Amino acid sequence: MFRALEYLGPVGLGATSPQLFRAETAGGERKVCVVKLSANRLGYKVLVNELLAARFGQWLTLCFPAGGIIEIPAEVMKKSRRLTAAGVKPGLHFGCEYLSRAGYVNKYNLHRATNKEQMAGVMLFDHLFHNPDRTINRKNLLIRRERDGYKLYAIDNSHLFRRGKWTIGMLRELTDTITINHRRSYGVLLKYYLHSAQFLQYAKKVTEIPRELFSQFVQDIPREWLPEQEERQALLEYITARSDKAYWVAEKLSELIPDINRRSNIH
């Protein structure tokens, strides 16, 4: 949970018009956060998607920037003419840590990353929860030089379940399907770097998440973001059913690895 302290301005990119805020964590640490506001043009479900991704990312140790609910107090909102004019209301929004000095991933810098194995988890997550946007939008994979080398980060989970504005019917249609995405960076990772064992390792992590925790994930969604109980129940059923398919998805991804020695762990 973050608490906004100061509005810094627009990020300048993205369909959801993300904004920058200086914020404080529950532990008192100050950070700059990228915030998706409840007033974004895709609606509240974008925030639902982001919050669910943040929860899964924490449990699976994915390379997502730290994120969660951010409270924007009325006194912070009132100081910004831009936000006031846009009709943004104080309350609960979604925020994640801003990654300064990061660049976009491409075929020329991907090899530098020291945490490429984490992308097996990101790819598994994207295929479990139908997020095609990671490679359609080339700006959703970042690389940043840090003390221990270059590190990859996967950002923007607003398009889970194929799009921000999902419905109960869409969730049910997606429960038993898979659409393999091996474009751009994903194709390079499969061709040169990732191993079947890495996909299976993350599949194991998914199956080891206590299933009662999924209920907590859904309960933690602010009521104003998802007021309909029927939608909450459908979402719970969907993430539970999809998580039970983790090994199936891992094997489908592993079959795309051209090097037989790196996909020899398929059962």
Protein backbone atom coordinates (compact mmCIF):
# COMPACT_ATOMS: atom_id res chain seq x y z
CA MET A 1 0.00 0.00 0.00
CA PHE A 2 1.29 3.42 -1.00
CA ARG A 3 0.16 6.87 0.07
CA ALA A 4 0.60 9.72 -2.40
CA LEU A 5 2.46 12.78 -1.17
CA GLU A 6 2.86 14.92 -4.29
CA TYR A 7 1.71 14.92 -7.91
CA LEU A 8 4.65 15.11 -10.33
CA GLY A 9 2.99 15.05 -13.75
CA PRO A 10 2.03 12.70 -16.59
CA VAL A 11 4.23 9.82 -17.73
CA GLY A 12 3.39 10.68 -21.32
CA LEU A 13 2.80 7.13 -22.58
CA GLY A 14 0.04 4.56 -22.39
CA ALA A 15 -3.65 4.11 -23.16
CA THR A 16 -4.48 4.52 -19.47
CA SER A 17 -2.69 7.90 -19.20
CA PRO A 18 -0.49 6.95 -16.22
CA GLN A 19 0.70 9.72 -13.89
CA LEU A 20 3.72 10.16 -11.64
CA PHE A 21 3.39 10.73 -7.92
CA ARG A 22 5.86 10.92 -5.09
CA ALA A 23 4.61 8.43 -2.53
CA GLU A 24 5.35 6.77 0.78
CA THR A 25 5.14 3.05 1.58
CA ALA A 26 3.57 1.65 4.74
CA GLY A 27 7.09 1.34 6.10
CA GLY A 28 7.83 5.03 5.51
CA GLU A 29 10.05 4.61 2.44
CA ARG A 30 9.73 7.36 -0.18
CA LYS A 31 9.36 6.33 -3.84
CA VAL A 32 8.24 7.74 -7.17
CA CYS A 33 5.24 5.75 -8.44
CA VAL A 34 3.58 5.32 -11.80
CA VAL A 35 -0.13 5.56 -11.03
CA LYS A 36 -3.09 4.35 -13.04
CA LEU A 37 -6.05 6.41 -11.93
CA SER A 38 -9.56 5.13 -11.48
CA ALA A 39 -10.64 7.76 -14.02
CA ASN A 40 -8.59 6.19 -16.83
CA ARG A 41 -10.45 5.72 -20.13
CA LEU A 42 -10.40 1.90 -19.93
CA GLY A 43 -12.18 1.85 -16.58
CA TYR A 44 -11.79 0.31 -13.14
CA LYS A 45 -11.06 -3.23 -14.35
CA VAL A 46 -7.62 -2.12 -15.49
CA LEU A 47 -6.84 -1.50 -11.83
CA VAL A 48 -8.24 -4.93 -10.92
CA ASN A 49 -5.95 -6.55 -13.49
CA GLU A 50 -2.91 -4.66 -12.25
CA LEU A 51 -3.57 -5.53 -8.62
CA LEU A 52 -4.01 -9.24 -9.37
CA ALA A 53 -0.78 -9.23 -11.39
CA ALA A 54 1.07 -7.54 -8.54
CA ARG A 55 -0.13 -10.22 -6.10
CA PHE A 56 0.88 -13.08 -8.40
CA GLY A 57 4.17 -11.34 -9.16
CA GLN A 58 5.05 -11.19 -5.46
CA TRP A 59 4.31 -14.89 -4.92
CA LEU A 60 6.12 -16.05 -8.04
CA THR A 61 9.07 -13.61 -7.69
CA LEU A 62 8.50 -12.23 -11.17
CA CYS A 63 10.41 -9.20 -12.42
CA PHE A 64 7.44 -6.84 -12.05
CA PRO A 65 8.09 -3.48 -10.37
CA ALA A 66 6.69 -3.47 -6.83
CA GLY A 67 3.07 -2.37 -6.97
CA GLY A 68 -0.24 -2.20 -5.14
CA ILE A 69 -3.04 0.08 -4.06
CA ILE A 70 -2.15 3.74 -3.67
CA GLU A 71 -4.27 6.19 -1.70
CA ILE A 72 -4.35 9.72 -3.07
CA PRO A 73 -5.56 12.11 -0.35
CA ALA A 74 -7.84 15.04 -1.20
CA GLU A 75 -5.19 17.58 -0.20
CA VAL A 76 -2.77 16.16 -2.79
CA MET A 77 -5.43 16.15 -5.50
CA LYS A 78 -6.48 19.74 -4.81
CA LYS A 79 -2.97 21.03 -5.49
CA SER A 80 -3.11 19.88 -9.13
CA ARG A 81 -5.17 21.87 -11.61
CA ARG A 82 -4.59 19.14 -14.22
CA LEU A 83 -6.10 16.39 -12.05
CA THR A 84 -8.93 18.57 -10.81
CA ALA A 85 -9.86 19.56 -14.36
CA ALA A 86 -9.77 15.92 -15.42
CA GLY A 87 -12.28 15.01 -12.74
CA VAL A 88 -9.91 12.72 -10.85
CA LYS A 89 -11.21 11.94 -7.38
CA PRO A 90 -9.21 11.24 -4.22
CA GLY A 91 -9.27 7.66 -3.03
CA LEU A 92 -7.79 4.34 -4.08
CA HIS A 93 -5.89 3.89 -7.33
CA PHE A 94 -3.12 1.54 -8.54
CA GLY A 95 0.56 2.44 -8.33
CA CYS A 96 3.88 0.75 -8.97
CA GLU A 97 7.47 1.79 -8.50
CA TYR A 98 8.85 4.03 -11.26
CA LEU A 99 11.99 2.66 -12.90
CA SER A 100 14.30 5.55 -13.67
CA ARG A 101 17.03 5.25 -16.31
CA ALA A 102 15.38 2.23 -17.93
CA GLY A 103 15.32 1.56 -21.67
CA TYR A 104 13.22 -0.63 -23.93
CA VAL A 105 14.27 -4.22 -24.63
CA ASN A 106 15.34 -5.11 -28.17
CA LYS A 107 17.35 -7.81 -29.93
CA TYR A 108 20.55 -5.83 -29.41
CA ASN A 109 20.42 -5.51 -25.61
CA LEU A 110 18.44 -8.56 -24.46
CA HIS A 111 21.59 -10.69 -24.21
CA ARG A 112 23.00 -8.34 -21.55
CA ALA A 113 20.31 -9.14 -18.98
CA THR A 114 21.41 -11.24 -16.03
CA ASN A 115 17.87 -12.31 -15.05
CA LYS A 116 16.62 -13.78 -18.34
CA GLU A 117 15.44 -16.92 -16.51
CA GLN A 118 12.77 -14.80 -14.77
CA MET A 119 11.20 -14.26 -18.17
CA ALA A 120 10.13 -17.91 -18.12
CA GLY A 121 7.88 -16.96 -15.22
CA VAL A 122 6.62 -13.82 -16.97
CA MET A 123 5.86 -15.77 -20.15
CA LEU A 124 4.05 -18.45 -18.16
CA PHE A 125 2.04 -15.79 -16.33
CA ASP A 126 1.11 -14.01 -19.57
CA HIS A 127 -0.09 -17.25 -21.16
CA LEU A 128 -1.97 -18.39 -18.08
CA PHE A 129 -3.90 -15.13 -17.86
CA HIS A 130 -4.10 -14.24 -21.55
CA ASN A 131 -1.95 -11.12 -21.67
CA PRO A 132 -0.99 -10.61 -25.35
CA ASP A 133 0.17 -7.04 -24.81
CA ARG A 134 3.68 -7.79 -23.57
CA THR A 135 5.05 -8.08 -27.11
CA ILE A 136 2.34 -6.28 -29.09
CA ASN A 137 3.42 -3.18 -27.17
CA ARG A 138 7.22 -3.07 -27.41
CA LYS A 139 7.36 -0.67 -24.47
CA ASN A 140 6.21 -3.23 -21.88
CA LEU A 141 9.62 -4.84 -21.42
CA LEU A 142 12.37 -2.68 -19.91
CA ILE A 143 16.06 -3.18 -19.24
CA ARG A 144 18.03 -1.22 -16.68
CA ARG A 145 21.65 -1.22 -15.63
CA GLU A 146 21.99 -1.90 -11.90
CA ARG A 147 24.85 -2.61 -9.53
CA ASP A 148 24.94 -6.32 -10.32
CA GLY A 149 24.40 -5.93 -14.07
CA TYR A 150 21.56 -5.35 -16.48
CA LYS A 151 18.11 -6.44 -15.31
CA LEU A 152 14.85 -7.02 -17.18
CA TYR A 153 11.51 -5.71 -15.92
CA ALA A 154 8.04 -6.52 -17.23
CA ILE A 155 5.56 -3.69 -16.84
CA ASP A 156 1.90 -2.94 -17.58
CA ASN A 157 -0.55 -5.75 -16.85
CA SER A 158 -3.67 -3.80 -17.72
CA HIS A 159 -4.54 -6.12 -20.62
CA LEU A 160 -4.91 -9.36 -18.70
CA PHE A 161 -7.80 -11.54 -19.90
CA ARG A 162 -7.10 -10.18 -23.40
CA ARG A 163 -8.34 -6.66 -22.64
CA GLY A 164 -9.03 -4.25 -19.81
CA LYS A 165 -12.81 -4.35 -20.17
CA TRP A 166 -13.40 -8.06 -19.62
CA THR A 167 -16.76 -9.68 -18.96
CA ILE A 168 -17.89 -12.84 -17.19
CA GLY A 169 -18.55 -14.42 -20.57
CA MET A 170 -15.02 -13.65 -21.74
CA LEU A 171 -13.49 -15.23 -18.64
CA ARG A 172 -15.47 -18.41 -19.20
CA GLU A 173 -14.48 -18.55 -22.87
CA LEU A 174 -10.80 -18.14 -22.00
CA THR A 175 -10.68 -20.75 -19.22
CA ASP A 176 -9.72 -23.70 -21.45
CA THR A 177 -7.86 -21.95 -24.26
CA ILE A 178 -4.30 -20.90 -24.97
CA THR A 179 -2.90 -18.54 -27.60
CA ILE A 180 0.86 -18.92 -27.93
CA ASN A 181 2.77 -15.68 -28.27
CA HIS A 182 6.35 -16.01 -29.43
CA ARG A 183 6.88 -12.72 -31.19
CA ARG A 184 9.81 -10.36 -30.76
CA SER A 185 11.62 -10.79 -27.42
CA TYR A 186 9.65 -13.92 -26.52
CA GLY A 187 10.82 -15.61 -29.71
CA VAL A 188 14.43 -14.66 -29.02
CA LEU A 189 14.22 -15.96 -25.45
CA LEU A 190 12.80 -19.28 -26.62
CA LYS A 191 15.33 -19.64 -29.41
CA TYR A 192 18.49 -18.85 -27.48
CA TYR A 193 18.07 -18.67 -23.71
CA LEU A 194 15.20 -20.36 -21.90
CA HIS A 195 15.01 -24.00 -20.77
CA SER A 196 12.02 -26.26 -20.25
CA ALA A 197 13.11 -26.74 -16.64
CA GLN A 198 12.65 -23.02 -16.01
CA PHE A 199 9.04 -23.06 -17.24
CA LEU A 200 8.33 -26.14 -15.14
CA GLN A 201 9.90 -24.49 -12.09
CA TYR A 202 7.49 -21.57 -12.34
CA ALA A 203 4.57 -23.90 -13.03
CA LYS A 204 5.40 -25.66 -9.77
CA LYS A 205 5.38 -22.31 -7.96
CA VAL A 206 1.92 -21.55 -9.34
CA THR A 207 0.52 -24.89 -8.19
CA GLU A 208 2.02 -24.36 -4.73
CA ILE A 209 0.16 -21.09 -4.10
CA PRO A 210 -2.45 -21.97 -1.44
CA ARG A 211 -5.79 -21.95 -3.25
CA GLU A 212 -7.49 -20.18 -0.35
CA LEU A 213 -5.14 -17.29 -1.06
CA PHE A 214 -6.93 -16.67 -4.36
CA SER A 215 -10.03 -15.76 -2.38
CA GLN A 216 -7.92 -13.23 -0.49
CA PHE A 217 -6.58 -11.80 -3.77
CA VAL A 218 -10.15 -11.14 -4.90
CA GLN A 219 -11.32 -9.86 -1.51
CA ASP A 220 -8.47 -7.34 -1.51
CA ILE A 221 -9.84 -5.67 -4.64
CA PRO A 222 -11.47 -2.40 -3.51
CA ARG A 223 -15.25 -2.61 -3.71
CA GLU A 224 -15.47 0.50 -5.91
CA TRP A 225 -13.22 -1.16 -8.51
CA LEU A 226 -15.35 -4.29 -8.79
CA PRO A 227 -18.73 -3.84 -7.09
CA GLU A 228 -20.56 -6.82 -8.63
CA GLN A 229 -20.26 -10.00 -6.55
CA GLU A 230 -21.01 -12.15 -9.61
CA GLU A 231 -17.95 -10.71 -11.36
CA ARG A 232 -15.79 -11.32 -8.30
CA GLN A 233 -16.91 -14.95 -8.18
CA ALA A 234 -16.25 -15.43 -11.90
CA LEU A 235 -12.80 -13.92 -11.51
CA LEU A 236 -11.99 -16.24 -8.60
CA GLU A 237 -13.14 -19.28 -10.56
CA TYR A 238 -11.09 -18.19 -13.56
CA ILE A 239 -7.76 -17.61 -11.79
CA THR A 240 -8.19 -20.88 -9.89
CA ALA A 241 -8.95 -22.89 -13.03
CA ARG A 242 -6.12 -21.30 -14.99
CA SER A 243 -3.59 -21.83 -12.20
CA ASP A 244 -4.48 -25.53 -12.26
CA LYS A 245 -3.35 -25.54 -15.91
CA ALA A 246 0.15 -24.23 -15.17
CA TYR A 247 1.99 -27.40 -16.19
CA TRP A 248 -0.02 -27.68 -19.41
CA VAL A 249 0.89 -24.11 -20.36
CA ALA A 250 4.55 -24.67 -19.39
CA GLU A 251 4.75 -27.68 -21.67
CA LYS A 252 3.15 -25.81 -24.58
CA LEU A 253 5.78 -23.08 -24.23
CA SER A 254 8.59 -25.62 -23.85
CA GLU A 255 7.62 -27.28 -27.12
CA LEU A 256 8.58 -24.06 -28.92
CA ILE A 257 12.21 -24.27 -27.77
CA PRO A 258 14.11 -25.36 -30.91
CA ASP A 259 17.11 -26.79 -29.05
CA ILE A 260 16.21 -30.34 -27.98
CA ASN A 261 18.74 -30.16 -25.14
CA ARG A 262 16.90 -27.20 -23.59
CA ARG A 263 13.47 -28.76 -23.81
CA SER A 264 14.38 -32.25 -22.69
CA ASN A 265 12.51 -31.82 -19.38
CA ILE A 266 9.07 -32.09 -20.99
CA HIS A 267 7.18 -34.98 -19.39
